[in-house]
Amino acid sequence: MDISSLVPMVGDGPNRFLLESIGSRNPQMLGQQYQDFQAALGSQGELEVICFYETVESPTAIQVRLPMSVCDHL
């Protein structure tokens, strides 16, 4: 996954590691994520995975900075 447009939104915040792991091309990291995901699912038939995807291309995410006075009301 190309994460270049998402990096500015997370900056150095707590979601940076998650974002970089999603965009990783490191086979060891992806293998570990696969194993972790399988372990989280439990035994067969215990959980159901439902996938959603867009059928129409959406515009690239952009970072918006709101004035503090606006943020206080959110």
C-alpha atoms as a PDB file:
ATOM      1  CA  MET A   1       0.000   0.000   0.000  1.00  0.00           C
ATOM      2  CA  ASP A   2       1.313   3.448  -0.873  1.00  0.00           C
ATOM      3  CA  ILE A   3       1.195   5.395   2.379  1.00  0.00           C
ATOM      4  CA  SER A   4       3.017   8.537   1.210  1.00  0.00           C
ATOM      5  CA  SER A   5      -0.145  10.680   1.238  1.00  0.00           C
ATOM      6  CA  LEU A   6      -1.111   9.423   4.714  1.00  0.00           C
ATOM      7  CA  VAL A   7       2.209  10.008   6.502  1.00  0.00           C
ATOM      8  CA  PRO A   8       1.701  13.794   6.806  1.00  0.00           C
ATOM      9  CA  MET A   9      -1.654  13.207   8.531  1.00  0.00           C
ATOM     10  CA  VAL A  10      -0.250  10.971  11.280  1.00  0.00           C
ATOM     11  CA  GLY A  11       3.087  12.768  11.581  1.00  0.00           C
ATOM     12  CA  ASP A  12       5.056  11.224  14.445  1.00  0.00           C
ATOM     13  CA  GLY A  13       1.896  10.356  16.365  1.00  0.00           C
ATOM     14  CA  PRO A  14       1.000   6.994  17.890  1.00  0.00           C
ATOM     15  CA  ASN A  15      -0.450   5.642  14.628  1.00  0.00           C
ATOM     16  CA  ARG A  16       2.800   6.098  12.700  1.00  0.00           C
ATOM     17  CA  PHE A  17       4.064   2.555  13.437  1.00  0.00           C
ATOM     18  CA  LEU A  18       0.735   1.038  12.385  1.00  0.00           C
ATOM     19  CA  LEU A  19       0.716   3.038   9.164  1.00  0.00           C
ATOM     20  CA  GLU A  20       4.289   2.091   8.314  1.00  0.00           C
ATOM     21  CA  SER A  21       3.604  -1.576   9.040  1.00  0.00           C
ATOM     22  CA  ILE A  22       0.668  -1.502   6.609  1.00  0.00           C
ATOM     23  CA  GLY A  23       2.882   0.072   3.941  1.00  0.00           C
ATOM     24  CA  SER A  24       5.797  -2.272   4.608  1.00  0.00           C
ATOM     25  CA  ARG A  25       7.343  -4.341   1.857  1.00  0.00           C
ATOM     26  CA  ASN A  26       9.329  -6.288   4.450  1.00  0.00           C
ATOM     27  CA  PRO A  27       8.351  -9.963   4.093  1.00  0.00           C
ATOM     28  CA  GLN A  28       9.312 -10.740   7.716  1.00  0.00           C
ATOM     29  CA  MET A  29       7.057  -7.989   9.072  1.00  0.00           C
ATOM     30  CA  LEU A  30       4.199  -9.028   6.804  1.00  0.00           C
ATOM     31  CA  GLY A  31       4.654 -12.662   7.861  1.00  0.00           C
ATOM     32  CA  GLN A  32       4.474 -11.666  11.517  1.00  0.00           C
ATOM     33  CA  GLN A  33       1.336  -9.623  10.884  1.00  0.00           C
ATOM     34  CA  TYR A  34      -0.223 -12.642   9.165  1.00  0.00           C
ATOM     35  CA  GLN A  35       0.592 -14.890  12.123  1.00  0.00           C
ATOM     36  CA  ASP A  36      -0.740 -12.324  14.606  1.00  0.00           C
ATOM     37  CA  PHE A  37      -3.933 -11.975  12.584  1.00  0.00           C
ATOM     38  CA  GLN A  38      -4.450 -15.741  12.461  1.00  0.00           C
ATOM     39  CA  ALA A  39      -3.897 -15.983  16.227  1.00  0.00           C
ATOM     40  CA  ALA A  40      -6.397 -13.170  16.854  1.00  0.00           C
ATOM     41  CA  LEU A  41      -9.072 -14.982  14.832  1.00  0.00           C
ATOM     42  CA  GLY A  42      -9.112 -17.989  17.128  1.00  0.00           C
ATOM     43  CA  SER A  43     -10.177 -21.407  15.957  1.00  0.00           C
ATOM     44  CA  GLN A  44     -11.914 -21.946  12.629  1.00  0.00           C
ATOM     45  CA  GLY A  45     -15.502 -20.716  12.626  1.00  0.00           C
ATOM     46  CA  GLU A  46     -15.078 -18.720  15.830  1.00  0.00           C
ATOM     47  CA  LEU A  47     -14.974 -15.290  14.172  1.00  0.00           C
ATOM     48  CA  GLU A  48     -16.111 -13.877  10.864  1.00  0.00           C
ATOM     49  CA  VAL A  49     -14.113 -11.406   8.780  1.00  0.00           C
ATOM     50  CA  ILE A  50     -16.110  -8.939   6.727  1.00  0.00           C
ATOM     51  CA  CYS A  51     -14.297  -6.857   4.122  1.00  0.00           C
ATOM     52  CA  PHE A  52     -15.359  -3.520   2.703  1.00  0.00           C
ATOM     53  CA  TYR A  53     -13.869  -1.767  -0.273  1.00  0.00           C
ATOM     54  CA  GLU A  54     -14.577   1.240  -2.423  1.00  0.00           C
ATOM     55  CA  THR A  55     -15.959   0.713  -5.895  1.00  0.00           C
ATOM     56  CA  VAL A  56     -15.371   4.316  -6.900  1.00  0.00           C
ATOM     57  CA  GLU A  57     -12.000   6.010  -6.545  1.00  0.00           C
ATOM     58  CA  SER A  58     -12.000   8.668  -3.850  1.00  0.00           C
ATOM     59  CA  PRO A  59      -9.752  11.726  -3.731  1.00  0.00           C
ATOM     60  CA  THR A  60      -6.428  11.401  -1.930  1.00  0.00           C
ATOM     61  CA  ALA A  61      -6.553  12.300   1.732  1.00  0.00           C
ATOM     62  CA  ILE A  62      -5.218  15.722   2.641  1.00  0.00           C
ATOM     63  CA  GLN A  63      -4.233  17.176   5.988  1.00  0.00           C
ATOM     64  CA  VAL A  64      -6.345  20.085   7.201  1.00  0.00           C
ATOM     65  CA  ARG A  65      -5.272  22.281  10.090  1.00  0.00           C
ATOM     66  CA  LEU A  66      -8.114  23.964  11.929  1.00  0.00           C
ATOM     67  CA  PRO A  67      -7.656  27.013  14.133  1.00  0.00           C
ATOM     68  CA  MET A  68      -7.692  26.139  17.835  1.00  0.00           C
ATOM     69  CA  SER A  69     -10.954  28.064  18.297  1.00  0.00           C
ATOM     70  CA  VAL A  70     -12.663  25.649  15.873  1.00  0.00           C
ATOM     71  CA  CYS A  71     -11.097  22.573  17.526  1.00  0.00           C
ATOM     72  CA  ASP A  72     -12.496  23.597  20.915  1.00  0.00           C
ATOM     73  CA  HIS A  73     -16.021  23.149  19.565  1.00  0.00           C
ATOM     74  CA  LEU A  74     -15.487  19.654  18.104  1.00  0.00           C
END
